[in-house]
């Protein structure tokens, strides 16, 4: 005859299971926060590469209403000719002020502002729940931060139309010392974009990722765990993240 479990034995089993489950909850939260953060980092890297690729390699015919056909003089066997070379669309990255999403924009008419109705939104990316872009170039994200690529492929800031502005690596005076990660491992001084994304584990626990892109499209990711939102110290406590 089989002996059944007593109520006391069942209560002991339930207590053990509850203790084990309670101990596992923090690790589950950490695992979820890390996965959400890595998903965001992967999306940002892919979308930045997409924006740079479009800016560097696509050439379109200028519309008649644009009035800015681009030509250059070429000498073929002593005969000067005007050769039509088209023009590149302007590409920009626009970040929403709440840090929860960003867009890739395309402007085909050079004289328009980035807010013009003719501007095309190629893609909008919503970050995973609990993940926000907190800083750009070490500054808290501002409402509708926007950076665009110049015709020669540099990331620029400072012009509503995308015709002027300053290269970001000059505007923000980026240096190797400012980009250190845990006291070692730095990216080259050709860095042109620095983004910090934060994933919340729970109140008082966060994981932050800093992504440094250089002018060749290469990137460097640094990760740090910290206890106060927006206060990640990558240079002292950060670790290089290998993809």
C-alpha atoms as a PDB file:
ATOM      1  CA  UNK A   1       0.000   0.000   0.000  1.00  0.00           C
ATOM      2  CA  UNK A   2       1.421   3.360  -1.059  1.00  0.00           C
ATOM      3  CA  UNK A   3       1.727   6.016   1.593  1.00  0.00           C
ATOM      4  CA  UNK A   4       0.282   9.435   0.626  1.00  0.00           C
ATOM      5  CA  UNK A   5       1.921  12.798   1.371  1.00  0.00           C
ATOM      6  CA  UNK A   6       0.827  14.393   4.577  1.00  0.00           C
ATOM      7  CA  UNK A   7      -0.340  18.007   4.718  1.00  0.00           C
ATOM      8  CA  UNK A   8       2.817  18.945   6.575  1.00  0.00           C
ATOM      9  CA  UNK A   9       5.018  17.408   3.859  1.00  0.00           C
ATOM     10  CA  UNK A  10       3.083  19.257   1.165  1.00  0.00           C
ATOM     11  CA  UNK A  11       3.446  22.519   3.071  1.00  0.00           C
ATOM     12  CA  UNK A  12       7.190  21.951   3.383  1.00  0.00           C
ATOM     13  CA  UNK A  13       7.453  21.284  -0.376  1.00  0.00           C
ATOM     14  CA  UNK A  14       5.468  24.439  -1.162  1.00  0.00           C
ATOM     15  CA  UNK A  15       7.677  26.465   1.165  1.00  0.00           C
ATOM     16  CA  UNK A  16      10.851  25.172  -0.524  1.00  0.00           C
ATOM     17  CA  UNK A  17       9.430  25.900  -3.988  1.00  0.00           C
ATOM     18  CA  UNK A  18       8.429  29.418  -2.886  1.00  0.00           C
ATOM     19  CA  UNK A  19      11.904  30.117  -1.531  1.00  0.00           C
ATOM     20  CA  UNK A  20      13.548  28.890  -4.723  1.00  0.00           C
ATOM     21  CA  UNK A  21      11.143  30.887  -6.873  1.00  0.00           C
ATOM     22  CA  UNK A  22      11.753  34.015  -4.788  1.00  0.00           C
ATOM     23  CA  UNK A  23      15.497  33.612  -5.140  1.00  0.00           C
ATOM     24  CA  UNK A  24      15.176  33.223  -8.908  1.00  0.00           C
ATOM     25  CA  UNK A  25      13.067  36.349  -9.487  1.00  0.00           C
ATOM     26  CA  UNK A  26      15.987  38.842  -9.341  1.00  0.00           C
ATOM     27  CA  UNK A  27      17.969  36.761 -11.819  1.00  0.00           C
ATOM     28  CA  UNK A  28      14.973  36.540 -14.158  1.00  0.00           C
ATOM     29  CA  UNK A  29      14.533  40.316 -14.014  1.00  0.00           C
ATOM     30  CA  UNK A  30      18.226  40.816 -14.738  1.00  0.00           C
ATOM     31  CA  UNK A  31      18.094  38.353 -17.630  1.00  0.00           C
ATOM     32  CA  UNK A  32      15.034  40.093 -19.126  1.00  0.00           C
ATOM     33  CA  UNK A  33      16.588  43.546 -18.776  1.00  0.00           C
ATOM     34  CA  UNK A  34      19.830  42.367 -20.381  1.00  0.00           C
ATOM     35  CA  UNK A  35      17.967  40.794 -23.312  1.00  0.00           C
ATOM     36  CA  UNK A  36      15.868  43.926 -23.860  1.00  0.00           C
ATOM     37  CA  UNK A  37      19.005  46.063 -23.774  1.00  0.00           C
ATOM     38  CA  UNK A  38      20.835  43.827 -26.244  1.00  0.00           C
ATOM     39  CA  UNK A  39      17.821  43.874 -28.577  1.00  0.00           C
ATOM     40  CA  UNK A  40      17.909  47.680 -28.514  1.00  0.00           C
ATOM     41  CA  UNK A  41      21.661  47.805 -29.125  1.00  0.00           C
ATOM     42  CA  UNK A  42      21.360  45.410 -32.065  1.00  0.00           C
ATOM     43  CA  UNK A  43      18.556  47.507 -33.602  1.00  0.00           C
ATOM     44  CA  UNK A  44      20.475  50.762 -33.181  1.00  0.00           C
ATOM     45  CA  UNK A  45      23.609  49.309 -34.798  1.00  0.00           C
ATOM     46  CA  UNK A  46      21.620  47.876 -37.724  1.00  0.00           C
ATOM     47  CA  UNK A  47      19.659  51.095 -38.307  1.00  0.00           C
ATOM     48  CA  UNK A  48      22.727  53.318 -38.108  1.00  0.00           C
ATOM     49  CA  UNK A  49      24.449  51.104 -40.672  1.00  0.00           C
ATOM     50  CA  UNK A  50      21.334  51.264 -42.869  1.00  0.00           C
ATOM     51  CA  UNK A  51      21.202  55.082 -42.684  1.00  0.00           C
ATOM     52  CA  UNK A  52      24.896  55.427 -43.492  1.00  0.00           C
ATOM     53  CA  UNK A  53      24.601  52.977 -46.384  1.00  0.00           C
ATOM     54  CA  UNK A  54      21.692  54.897 -47.932  1.00  0.00           C
ATOM     55  CA  UNK A  55      23.495  58.215 -47.456  1.00  0.00           C
ATOM     56  CA  UNK A  56      26.718  56.996 -49.037  1.00  0.00           C
ATOM     57  CA  UNK A  57      25.613  54.876 -51.962  1.00  0.00           C
ATOM     58  CA  UNK A  58      22.234  55.915 -53.370  1.00  0.00           C
ATOM     59  CA  UNK A  59      22.163  58.529 -56.132  1.00  0.00           C
ATOM     60  CA  UNK A  60      18.808  59.798 -57.430  1.00  0.00           C
ATOM     61  CA  UNK A  61      17.800  62.017 -60.311  1.00  0.00           C
ATOM     62  CA  UNK A  62      16.919  65.520 -59.129  1.00  0.00           C
ATOM     63  CA  UNK A  63      13.307  66.523 -59.691  1.00  0.00           C
ATOM     64  CA  UNK A  64      12.469  69.420 -62.005  1.00  0.00           C
ATOM     65  CA  UNK A  65      11.013  71.365 -59.078  1.00  0.00           C
ATOM     66  CA  UNK A  66      14.245  71.039 -57.141  1.00  0.00           C
ATOM     67  CA  UNK A  67      16.279  73.130 -59.535  1.00  0.00           C
ATOM     68  CA  UNK A  68      19.623  71.839 -58.271  1.00  0.00           C
ATOM     69  CA  UNK A  69      20.888  69.499 -60.964  1.00  0.00           C
ATOM     70  CA  UNK A  70      24.491  68.606 -60.323  1.00  0.00           C
ATOM     71  CA  UNK A  71      26.949  68.467 -63.226  1.00  0.00           C
ATOM     72  CA  UNK A  72      30.701  68.621 -63.618  1.00  0.00           C
ATOM     73  CA  UNK A  73      32.978  69.384 -66.538  1.00  0.00           C
ATOM     74  CA  UNK A  74      34.926  66.471 -67.981  1.00  0.00           C
ATOM     75  CA  UNK A  75      37.341  66.588 -70.869  1.00  0.00           C
ATOM     76  CA  UNK A  76      36.924  63.747 -73.370  1.00  0.00           C
ATOM     77  CA  UNK A  77      39.733  63.896 -75.988  1.00  0.00           C
ATOM     78  CA  UNK A  78      39.857  67.645 -75.756  1.00  0.00           C
ATOM     79  CA  UNK A  79      36.076  68.117 -75.974  1.00  0.00           C
ATOM     80  CA  UNK A  80      34.557  69.600 -72.815  1.00  0.00           C
ATOM     81  CA  UNK A  81      31.262  67.982 -71.876  1.00  0.00           C
ATOM     82  CA  UNK A  82      28.761  68.479 -69.082  1.00  0.00           C
ATOM     83  CA  UNK A  83      28.153  65.108 -67.457  1.00  0.00           C
ATOM     84  CA  UNK A  84      25.034  64.705 -65.345  1.00  0.00           C
ATOM     85  CA  UNK A  85      25.813  62.840 -62.103  1.00  0.00           C
ATOM     86  CA  UNK A  86      22.502  63.123 -60.270  1.00  0.00           C
ATOM     87  CA  UNK A  87      22.425  63.851 -56.555  1.00  0.00           C
ATOM     88  CA  UNK A  88      22.269  62.002 -53.278  1.00  0.00           C
ATOM     89  CA  UNK A  89      19.204  62.224 -51.051  1.00  0.00           C
ATOM     90  CA  UNK A  90      19.824  63.717 -47.615  1.00  0.00           C
ATOM     91  CA  UNK A  91      19.568  61.135 -44.815  1.00  0.00           C
ATOM     92  CA  UNK A  92      19.083  61.960 -41.130  1.00  0.00           C
ATOM     93  CA  UNK A  93      18.643  60.180 -37.811  1.00  0.00           C
ATOM     94  CA  UNK A  94      15.967  61.774 -35.637  1.00  0.00           C
ATOM     95  CA  UNK A  95      15.588  60.766 -31.975  1.00  0.00           C
ATOM     96  CA  UNK A  96      12.370  61.368 -30.046  1.00  0.00           C
ATOM     97  CA  UNK A  97      12.665  63.372 -26.860  1.00  0.00           C
ATOM     98  CA  UNK A  98      11.441  60.544 -24.614  1.00  0.00           C
ATOM     99  CA  UNK A  99      14.237  58.279 -25.873  1.00  0.00           C
ATOM    100  CA  UNK A 100      11.795  55.496 -26.722  1.00  0.00           C
ATOM    101  CA  UNK A 101      12.052  55.659 -30.508  1.00  0.00           C
ATOM    102  CA  UNK A 102      13.986  57.113 -33.434  1.00  0.00           C
ATOM    103  CA  UNK A 103      13.512  57.454 -37.193  1.00  0.00           C
ATOM    104  CA  UNK A 104      15.538  57.445 -40.407  1.00  0.00           C
ATOM    105  CA  UNK A 105      14.475  60.366 -42.612  1.00  0.00           C
ATOM    106  CA  UNK A 106      15.126  61.051 -46.299  1.00  0.00           C
ATOM    107  CA  UNK A 107      14.966  64.530 -47.847  1.00  0.00           C
ATOM    108  CA  UNK A 108      15.042  64.607 -51.656  1.00  0.00           C
ATOM    109  CA  UNK A 109      14.822  68.378 -52.095  1.00  0.00           C
ATOM    110  CA  UNK A 110      17.885  70.100 -50.744  1.00  0.00           C
ATOM    111  CA  UNK A 111      16.189  73.394 -49.857  1.00  0.00           C
ATOM    112  CA  UNK A 112      13.524  71.848 -47.602  1.00  0.00           C
ATOM    113  CA  UNK A 113      13.687  71.700 -43.817  1.00  0.00           C
ATOM    114  CA  UNK A 114      13.656  68.339 -42.095  1.00  0.00           C
ATOM    115  CA  UNK A 115      10.122  69.084 -40.884  1.00  0.00           C
ATOM    116  CA  UNK A 116       8.798  69.623 -44.442  1.00  0.00           C
ATOM    117  CA  UNK A 117       5.910  67.501 -45.678  1.00  0.00           C
ATOM    118  CA  UNK A 118       8.112  66.191 -48.506  1.00  0.00           C
ATOM    119  CA  UNK A 119      10.492  64.468 -46.074  1.00  0.00           C
ATOM    120  CA  UNK A 120      10.076  60.684 -46.184  1.00  0.00           C
ATOM    121  CA  UNK A 121      10.236  58.588 -43.021  1.00  0.00           C
ATOM    122  CA  UNK A 122      12.089  55.496 -44.209  1.00  0.00           C
ATOM    123  CA  UNK A 123      11.840  53.685 -40.902  1.00  0.00           C
ATOM    124  CA  UNK A 124      10.800  54.213 -37.294  1.00  0.00           C
ATOM    125  CA  UNK A 125      12.132  51.948 -34.553  1.00  0.00           C
ATOM    126  CA  UNK A 126      10.435  51.574 -31.165  1.00  0.00           C
ATOM    127  CA  UNK A 127      12.794  50.394 -28.449  1.00  0.00           C
ATOM    128  CA  UNK A 128      11.751  47.474 -26.200  1.00  0.00           C
ATOM    129  CA  UNK A 129       9.688  48.285 -23.121  1.00  0.00           C
ATOM    130  CA  UNK A 130      11.867  49.486 -20.271  1.00  0.00           C
ATOM    131  CA  UNK A 131      14.695  50.634 -22.584  1.00  0.00           C
ATOM    132  CA  UNK A 132      15.388  54.297 -23.367  1.00  0.00           C
ATOM    133  CA  UNK A 133      18.107  56.253 -25.119  1.00  0.00           C
ATOM    134  CA  UNK A 134      19.248  58.433 -22.235  1.00  0.00           C
ATOM    135  CA  UNK A 135      22.136  60.429 -23.708  1.00  0.00           C
ATOM    136  CA  UNK A 136      23.631  61.446 -27.043  1.00  0.00           C
ATOM    137  CA  UNK A 137      27.249  62.647 -26.968  1.00  0.00           C
ATOM    138  CA  UNK A 138      27.160  62.452 -23.136  1.00  0.00           C
ATOM    139  CA  UNK A 139      24.269  64.971 -22.983  1.00  0.00           C
ATOM    140  CA  UNK A 140      20.709  64.089 -21.883  1.00  0.00           C
ATOM    141  CA  UNK A 141      18.585  63.442 -24.946  1.00  0.00           C
ATOM    142  CA  UNK A 142      16.778  66.555 -26.130  1.00  0.00           C
ATOM    143  CA  UNK A 143      13.448  66.834 -27.892  1.00  0.00           C
ATOM    144  CA  UNK A 144      13.805  65.663 -31.490  1.00  0.00           C
ATOM    145  CA  UNK A 145      17.619  65.489 -31.637  1.00  0.00           C
ATOM    146  CA  UNK A 146      18.540  65.228 -35.320  1.00  0.00           C
ATOM    147  CA  UNK A 147      21.805  64.400 -37.096  1.00  0.00           C
ATOM    148  CA  UNK A 148      22.247  64.203 -40.877  1.00  0.00           C
ATOM    149  CA  UNK A 149      24.841  62.907 -43.296  1.00  0.00           C
ATOM    150  CA  UNK A 150      26.660  65.401 -45.526  1.00  0.00           C
ATOM    151  CA  UNK A 151      27.231  64.695 -49.262  1.00  0.00           C
ATOM    152  CA  UNK A 152      30.743  63.497 -48.432  1.00  0.00           C
ATOM    153  CA  UNK A 153      29.435  61.019 -45.854  1.00  0.00           C
ATOM    154  CA  UNK A 154      30.144  62.839 -42.570  1.00  0.00           C
ATOM    155  CA  UNK A 155      27.584  62.902 -39.760  1.00  0.00           C
ATOM    156  CA  UNK A 156      26.619  66.531 -39.161  1.00  0.00           C
ATOM    157  CA  UNK A 157      24.703  68.653 -36.666  1.00  0.00           C
ATOM    158  CA  UNK A 158      23.546  72.255 -36.650  1.00  0.00           C
ATOM    159  CA  UNK A 159      21.440  72.944 -39.746  1.00  0.00           C
ATOM    160  CA  UNK A 160      17.690  72.814 -40.220  1.00  0.00           C
ATOM    161  CA  UNK A 161      18.048  72.111 -43.937  1.00  0.00           C
ATOM    162  CA  UNK A 162      21.048  69.803 -43.960  1.00  0.00           C
ATOM    163  CA  UNK A 163      23.094  72.174 -46.103  1.00  0.00           C
ATOM    164  CA  UNK A 164      25.453  73.459 -43.444  1.00  0.00           C
ATOM    165  CA  UNK A 165      26.407  72.453 -39.924  1.00  0.00           C
ATOM    166  CA  UNK A 166      29.475  70.962 -38.305  1.00  0.00           C
ATOM    167  CA  UNK A 167      30.802  67.411 -38.300  1.00  0.00           C
ATOM    168  CA  UNK A 168      29.818  65.811 -35.004  1.00  0.00           C
ATOM    169  CA  UNK A 169      33.331  64.681 -34.062  1.00  0.00           C
ATOM    170  CA  UNK A 170      34.387  68.339 -34.290  1.00  0.00           C
ATOM    171  CA  UNK A 171      31.251  69.824 -32.726  1.00  0.00           C
ATOM    172  CA  UNK A 172      31.470  67.631 -29.618  1.00  0.00           C
ATOM    173  CA  UNK A 173      35.269  67.542 -29.377  1.00  0.00           C
ATOM    174  CA  UNK A 174      35.395  63.784 -28.946  1.00  0.00           C
ATOM    175  CA  UNK A 175      38.662  62.367 -27.672  1.00  0.00           C
ATOM    176  CA  UNK A 176      40.047  58.956 -26.866  1.00  0.00           C
ATOM    177  CA  UNK A 177      40.139  59.828 -23.152  1.00  0.00           C
ATOM    178  CA  UNK A 178      36.421  60.607 -23.123  1.00  0.00           C
ATOM    179  CA  UNK A 179      35.580  57.289 -24.754  1.00  0.00           C
ATOM    180  CA  UNK A 180      37.489  54.944 -22.462  1.00  0.00           C
ATOM    181  CA  UNK A 181      35.734  51.833 -21.165  1.00  0.00           C
ATOM    182  CA  UNK A 182      36.759  50.465 -17.794  1.00  0.00           C
ATOM    183  CA  UNK A 183      40.198  52.040 -18.007  1.00  0.00           C
ATOM    184  CA  UNK A 184      41.079  50.213 -21.224  1.00  0.00           C
ATOM    185  CA  UNK A 185      39.817  49.597 -24.719  1.00  0.00           C
ATOM    186  CA  UNK A 186      39.156  52.791 -26.642  1.00  0.00           C
ATOM    187  CA  UNK A 187      37.829  53.515 -30.093  1.00  0.00           C
ATOM    188  CA  UNK A 188      39.677  55.634 -32.629  1.00  0.00           C
ATOM    189  CA  UNK A 189      39.327  59.405 -32.684  1.00  0.00           C
ATOM    190  CA  UNK A 190      37.207  59.128 -35.818  1.00  0.00           C
ATOM    191  CA  UNK A 191      34.161  58.503 -33.617  1.00  0.00           C
ATOM    192  CA  UNK A 192      31.149  60.439 -34.934  1.00  0.00           C
ATOM    193  CA  UNK A 193      28.181  59.235 -32.858  1.00  0.00           C
ATOM    194  CA  UNK A 194      27.892  58.251 -29.193  1.00  0.00           C
ATOM    195  CA  UNK A 195      24.588  56.876 -27.857  1.00  0.00           C
ATOM    196  CA  UNK A 196      23.750  55.667 -24.357  1.00  0.00           C
ATOM    197  CA  UNK A 197      20.779  53.303 -23.961  1.00  0.00           C
ATOM    198  CA  UNK A 198      19.514  52.275 -20.515  1.00  0.00           C
ATOM    199  CA  UNK A 199      17.547  49.137 -19.618  1.00  0.00           C
ATOM    200  CA  UNK A 200      15.726  49.098 -16.267  1.00  0.00           C
ATOM    201  CA  UNK A 201      16.020  45.948 -14.170  1.00  0.00           C
ATOM    202  CA  UNK A 202      13.958  47.305 -11.271  1.00  0.00           C
ATOM    203  CA  UNK A 203      13.919  50.432  -9.146  1.00  0.00           C
ATOM    204  CA  UNK A 204      17.535  51.146  -8.216  1.00  0.00           C
ATOM    205  CA  UNK A 205      19.040  48.709 -10.725  1.00  0.00           C
ATOM    206  CA  UNK A 206      19.892  49.522 -14.344  1.00  0.00           C
ATOM    207  CA  UNK A 207      22.047  48.281 -17.210  1.00  0.00           C
ATOM    208  CA  UNK A 208      23.435  50.879 -19.603  1.00  0.00           C
ATOM    209  CA  UNK A 209      25.027  50.400 -23.011  1.00  0.00           C
ATOM    210  CA  UNK A 210      27.160  53.041 -24.724  1.00  0.00           C
ATOM    211  CA  UNK A 211      27.584  52.617 -28.481  1.00  0.00           C
ATOM    212  CA  UNK A 212      30.390  54.528 -30.206  1.00  0.00           C
ATOM    213  CA  UNK A 213      30.277  54.642 -34.021  1.00  0.00           C
ATOM    214  CA  UNK A 214      33.190  55.851 -36.116  1.00  0.00           C
ATOM    215  CA  UNK A 215      33.235  57.377 -39.585  1.00  0.00           C
ATOM    216  CA  UNK A 216      33.816  53.996 -41.224  1.00  0.00           C
ATOM    217  CA  UNK A 217      30.704  52.496 -39.650  1.00  0.00           C
ATOM    218  CA  UNK A 218      32.639  50.429 -37.094  1.00  0.00           C
ATOM    219  CA  UNK A 219      31.279  50.372 -33.553  1.00  0.00           C
ATOM    220  CA  UNK A 220      32.357  49.746 -29.985  1.00  0.00           C
ATOM    221  CA  UNK A 221      29.880  48.818 -27.207  1.00  0.00           C
ATOM    222  CA  UNK A 222      30.520  49.345 -23.504  1.00  0.00           C
ATOM    223  CA  UNK A 223      28.181  48.024 -20.768  1.00  0.00           C
ATOM    224  CA  UNK A 224      27.876  48.933 -17.091  1.00  0.00           C
ATOM    225  CA  UNK A 225      25.528  48.037 -14.204  1.00  0.00           C
ATOM    226  CA  UNK A 226      24.535  50.933 -11.944  1.00  0.00           C
ATOM    227  CA  UNK A 227      22.020  52.012  -9.298  1.00  0.00           C
ATOM    228  CA  UNK A 228      20.898  55.464 -10.439  1.00  0.00           C
ATOM    229  CA  UNK A 229      19.154  56.164 -13.715  1.00  0.00           C
ATOM    230  CA  UNK A 230      21.281  58.192 -16.131  1.00  0.00           C
ATOM    231  CA  UNK A 231      24.462  58.055 -14.045  1.00  0.00           C
ATOM    232  CA  UNK A 232      26.441  55.243 -15.669  1.00  0.00           C
ATOM    233  CA  UNK A 233      30.236  55.558 -15.265  1.00  0.00           C
ATOM    234  CA  UNK A 234      31.629  53.767 -18.311  1.00  0.00           C
ATOM    235  CA  UNK A 235      35.228  54.968 -17.985  1.00  0.00           C
ATOM    236  CA  UNK A 236      35.665  53.503 -14.496  1.00  0.00           C
ATOM    237  CA  UNK A 237      33.266  50.566 -14.326  1.00  0.00           C
ATOM    238  CA  UNK A 238      32.414  49.755 -17.937  1.00  0.00           C
ATOM    239  CA  UNK A 239      33.210  46.533 -19.747  1.00  0.00           C
ATOM    240  CA  UNK A 240      33.639  46.006 -23.469  1.00  0.00           C
ATOM    241  CA  UNK A 241      30.803  43.971 -24.932  1.00  0.00           C
ATOM    242  CA  UNK A 242      31.797  41.469 -27.586  1.00  0.00           C
ATOM    243  CA  UNK A 243      29.327  40.716 -30.402  1.00  0.00           C
END
